[in-house]
Amino acid sequence: MLSYAAMKKEVQFTQQARAFLDGLPDGVQVEFRARFKTLAEVGYLVFPAGRKLDRGLFEVRVAMGGNAYRSFYCYGVGDLVWVLSGFVKKTQQTPLQELAKALRIKRSLGL
């Protein structure tokens, strides 16, 4: 995945996010790329493409083939958006360990 730069926001990916996204099926990657492009161009995502969580975290949402895929992102300094990590959702609730992981990555970026 490349970074997306547009008028509103510049979307950057952490190593963890790149590894997650690169390991997904091609069709899912296409859907994520479309959402990241919208995020760069508009500056935010609306449900069902994305939603706000808490503690400054947001999620990109992709559903395909009966699976739910999620990627966490946050806003950085200036026009930066950082995609932090991702996971395949298997339950109704977002796993706490995935939230904790995203928050650790966010802190490591100084955000």
C-alpha atoms as a PDB file:
ATOM      1  CA  MET A   1       0.000   0.000   0.000  1.00  0.00           C
ATOM      2  CA  LEU A   2       1.186   3.467  -0.773  1.00  0.00           C
ATOM      3  CA  SER A   3       0.446   6.612   1.150  1.00  0.00           C
ATOM      4  CA  TYR A   4      -2.414   8.719  -0.137  1.00  0.00           C
ATOM      5  CA  ALA A   5      -2.005  12.457  -0.435  1.00  0.00           C
ATOM      6  CA  ALA A   6      -4.807  14.758  -1.473  1.00  0.00           C
ATOM      7  CA  MET A   7      -6.207  18.179  -0.773  1.00  0.00           C
ATOM      8  CA  LYS A   8      -7.571  17.454   2.706  1.00  0.00           C
ATOM      9  CA  LYS A   9      -5.379  14.800   4.366  1.00  0.00           C
ATOM     10  CA  GLU A  10      -2.244  12.752   3.828  1.00  0.00           C
ATOM     11  CA  VAL A  11      -2.767   9.115   4.831  1.00  0.00           C
ATOM     12  CA  GLN A  12       0.299   7.273   6.166  1.00  0.00           C
ATOM     13  CA  PHE A  13       0.557   3.622   7.180  1.00  0.00           C
ATOM     14  CA  THR A  14       2.504   2.109  10.060  1.00  0.00           C
ATOM     15  CA  GLN A  15       4.468  -1.072   9.485  1.00  0.00           C
ATOM     16  CA  GLN A  16       1.765  -3.032  11.350  1.00  0.00           C
ATOM     17  CA  ALA A  17      -0.994  -1.591   9.149  1.00  0.00           C
ATOM     18  CA  ARG A  18       0.938  -2.323   5.952  1.00  0.00           C
ATOM     19  CA  ALA A  19       1.551  -5.934   7.001  1.00  0.00           C
ATOM     20  CA  PHE A  20      -2.147  -6.430   7.807  1.00  0.00           C
ATOM     21  CA  LEU A  21      -3.416  -4.814   4.611  1.00  0.00           C
ATOM     22  CA  ASP A  22      -0.886  -6.550   2.350  1.00  0.00           C
ATOM     23  CA  GLY A  23      -1.995  -9.926   3.705  1.00  0.00           C
ATOM     24  CA  LEU A  24      -5.660  -9.449   2.796  1.00  0.00           C
ATOM     25  CA  PRO A  25      -7.422 -10.889  -0.263  1.00  0.00           C
ATOM     26  CA  ASP A  26      -7.182  -8.662  -3.347  1.00  0.00           C
ATOM     27  CA  GLY A  27     -10.858  -7.642  -3.296  1.00  0.00           C
ATOM     28  CA  VAL A  28     -10.635  -6.553   0.337  1.00  0.00           C
ATOM     29  CA  GLN A  29      -7.491  -4.542  -0.422  1.00  0.00           C
ATOM     30  CA  VAL A  30      -9.357  -2.744  -3.219  1.00  0.00           C
ATOM     31  CA  GLU A  31     -12.153  -1.800  -0.797  1.00  0.00           C
ATOM     32  CA  PHE A  32      -9.693  -0.519   1.807  1.00  0.00           C
ATOM     33  CA  ARG A  33      -7.842   1.522  -0.837  1.00  0.00           C
ATOM     34  CA  ALA A  34     -11.134   3.143  -1.877  1.00  0.00           C
ATOM     35  CA  ARG A  35     -11.884   4.084   1.723  1.00  0.00           C
ATOM     36  CA  PHE A  36      -8.385   5.478   2.294  1.00  0.00           C
ATOM     37  CA  LYS A  37      -8.739   7.535  -0.886  1.00  0.00           C
ATOM     38  CA  THR A  38     -12.020   8.965   0.412  1.00  0.00           C
ATOM     39  CA  LEU A  39     -10.387   9.676   3.770  1.00  0.00           C
ATOM     40  CA  ALA A  40      -7.594  11.574   2.009  1.00  0.00           C
ATOM     41  CA  GLU A  41      -9.935  13.532  -0.241  1.00  0.00           C
ATOM     42  CA  VAL A  42     -12.713  14.331   2.243  1.00  0.00           C
ATOM     43  CA  GLY A  43     -10.822  14.195   5.546  1.00  0.00           C
ATOM     44  CA  TYR A  44     -13.171  11.764   7.298  1.00  0.00           C
ATOM     45  CA  LEU A  45     -15.344   8.676   6.773  1.00  0.00           C
ATOM     46  CA  VAL A  46     -19.021   8.236   7.582  1.00  0.00           C
ATOM     47  CA  PHE A  47     -20.821   5.069   8.633  1.00  0.00           C
ATOM     48  CA  PRO A  48     -20.800   2.367   7.334  1.00  0.00           C
ATOM     49  CA  ALA A  49     -17.368   3.014   5.742  1.00  0.00           C
ATOM     50  CA  GLY A  50     -15.955   4.223   9.047  1.00  0.00           C
ATOM     51  CA  ARG A  51     -16.845   5.231  12.547  1.00  0.00           C
ATOM     52  CA  LYS A  52     -15.431   6.998  15.574  1.00  0.00           C
ATOM     53  CA  LEU A  53     -14.447   4.860  18.535  1.00  0.00           C
ATOM     54  CA  ASP A  54     -12.943   6.583  21.564  1.00  0.00           C
ATOM     55  CA  ARG A  55      -9.597   7.942  22.767  1.00  0.00           C
ATOM     56  CA  GLY A  56      -8.981   9.514  19.386  1.00  0.00           C
ATOM     57  CA  LEU A  57      -9.336   6.252  17.469  1.00  0.00           C
ATOM     58  CA  PHE A  58     -11.430   5.694  14.371  1.00  0.00           C
ATOM     59  CA  GLU A  59     -12.015   2.573  12.315  1.00  0.00           C
ATOM     60  CA  VAL A  60     -12.252   1.836   8.622  1.00  0.00           C
ATOM     61  CA  ARG A  61     -14.864  -0.855   8.004  1.00  0.00           C
ATOM     62  CA  VAL A  62     -14.937  -3.364   5.142  1.00  0.00           C
ATOM     63  CA  ALA A  63     -17.313  -6.321   4.867  1.00  0.00           C
ATOM     64  CA  MET A  64     -16.809  -8.925   2.175  1.00  0.00           C
ATOM     65  CA  GLY A  65     -17.536 -12.609   1.752  1.00  0.00           C
ATOM     66  CA  GLY A  66     -19.190 -12.853   5.159  1.00  0.00           C
ATOM     67  CA  ASN A  67     -16.110 -11.430   6.916  1.00  0.00           C
ATOM     68  CA  ALA A  68     -15.695  -8.098   8.669  1.00  0.00           C
ATOM     69  CA  TYR A  69     -12.335  -6.354   8.318  1.00  0.00           C
ATOM     70  CA  ARG A  70     -11.312  -3.369  10.421  1.00  0.00           C
ATOM     71  CA  SER A  71      -8.391  -0.987  10.395  1.00  0.00           C
ATOM     72  CA  PHE A  72      -7.747   1.620  13.096  1.00  0.00           C
ATOM     73  CA  TYR A  73      -6.622   5.129  12.301  1.00  0.00           C
ATOM     74  CA  CYS A  74      -6.070   8.434  14.096  1.00  0.00           C
ATOM     75  CA  TYR A  75      -5.412  12.025  13.161  1.00  0.00           C
ATOM     76  CA  GLY A  76      -1.886  13.315  13.508  1.00  0.00           C
ATOM     77  CA  VAL A  77      -0.325  16.751  13.437  1.00  0.00           C
ATOM     78  CA  GLY A  78      -1.434  18.994  10.618  1.00  0.00           C
ATOM     79  CA  ASP A  79      -3.009  17.114   7.740  1.00  0.00           C
ATOM     80  CA  LEU A  80      -1.671  13.656   8.628  1.00  0.00           C
ATOM     81  CA  VAL A  81      -3.827  10.604   9.192  1.00  0.00           C
ATOM     82  CA  TRP A  82      -2.100   7.495  10.537  1.00  0.00           C
ATOM     83  CA  VAL A  83      -3.442   4.019   9.794  1.00  0.00           C
ATOM     84  CA  LEU A  84      -2.278   2.109  12.859  1.00  0.00           C
ATOM     85  CA  SER A  85      -3.255  -1.568  12.583  1.00  0.00           C
ATOM     86  CA  GLY A  86      -6.023  -3.894  11.522  1.00  0.00           C
ATOM     87  CA  PHE A  87      -7.750  -7.181  12.199  1.00  0.00           C
ATOM     88  CA  VAL A  88     -10.455  -9.534  10.994  1.00  0.00           C
ATOM     89  CA  LYS A  89     -13.467  -9.104  13.246  1.00  0.00           C
ATOM     90  CA  LYS A  90     -14.929 -12.371  14.510  1.00  0.00           C
ATOM     91  CA  THR A  91     -17.334 -11.142  17.218  1.00  0.00           C
ATOM     92  CA  GLN A  92     -19.834  -8.305  17.651  1.00  0.00           C
ATOM     93  CA  GLN A  93     -17.513  -6.450  20.038  1.00  0.00           C
ATOM     94  CA  THR A  94     -14.188  -4.987  18.992  1.00  0.00           C
ATOM     95  CA  PRO A  95     -11.567  -7.102  20.828  1.00  0.00           C
ATOM     96  CA  LEU A  96      -9.985  -5.169  23.676  1.00  0.00           C
ATOM     97  CA  GLN A  97      -6.532  -6.482  22.779  1.00  0.00           C
ATOM     98  CA  GLU A  98      -6.882  -4.973  19.285  1.00  0.00           C
ATOM     99  CA  LEU A  99      -7.881  -1.603  20.779  1.00  0.00           C
ATOM    100  CA  ALA A 100      -4.944  -1.778  23.194  1.00  0.00           C
ATOM    101  CA  LYS A 101      -2.571  -2.612  20.333  1.00  0.00           C
ATOM    102  CA  ALA A 102      -3.787   0.366  18.285  1.00  0.00           C
ATOM    103  CA  LEU A 103      -3.430   2.683  21.291  1.00  0.00           C
ATOM    104  CA  ARG A 104       0.144   1.436  21.907  1.00  0.00           C
ATOM    105  CA  ILE A 105       1.044   2.150  18.289  1.00  0.00           C
ATOM    106  CA  LYS A 106      -0.599   5.577  18.516  1.00  0.00           C
ATOM    107  CA  ARG A 107       1.456   6.404  21.635  1.00  0.00           C
ATOM    108  CA  SER A 108       4.652   5.178  19.949  1.00  0.00           C
ATOM    109  CA  LEU A 109       4.012   7.768  17.220  1.00  0.00           C
ATOM    110  CA  GLY A 110       3.737  10.480  19.883  1.00  0.00           C
ATOM    111  CA  LEU A 111       0.050  11.075  19.211  1.00  0.00           C
END
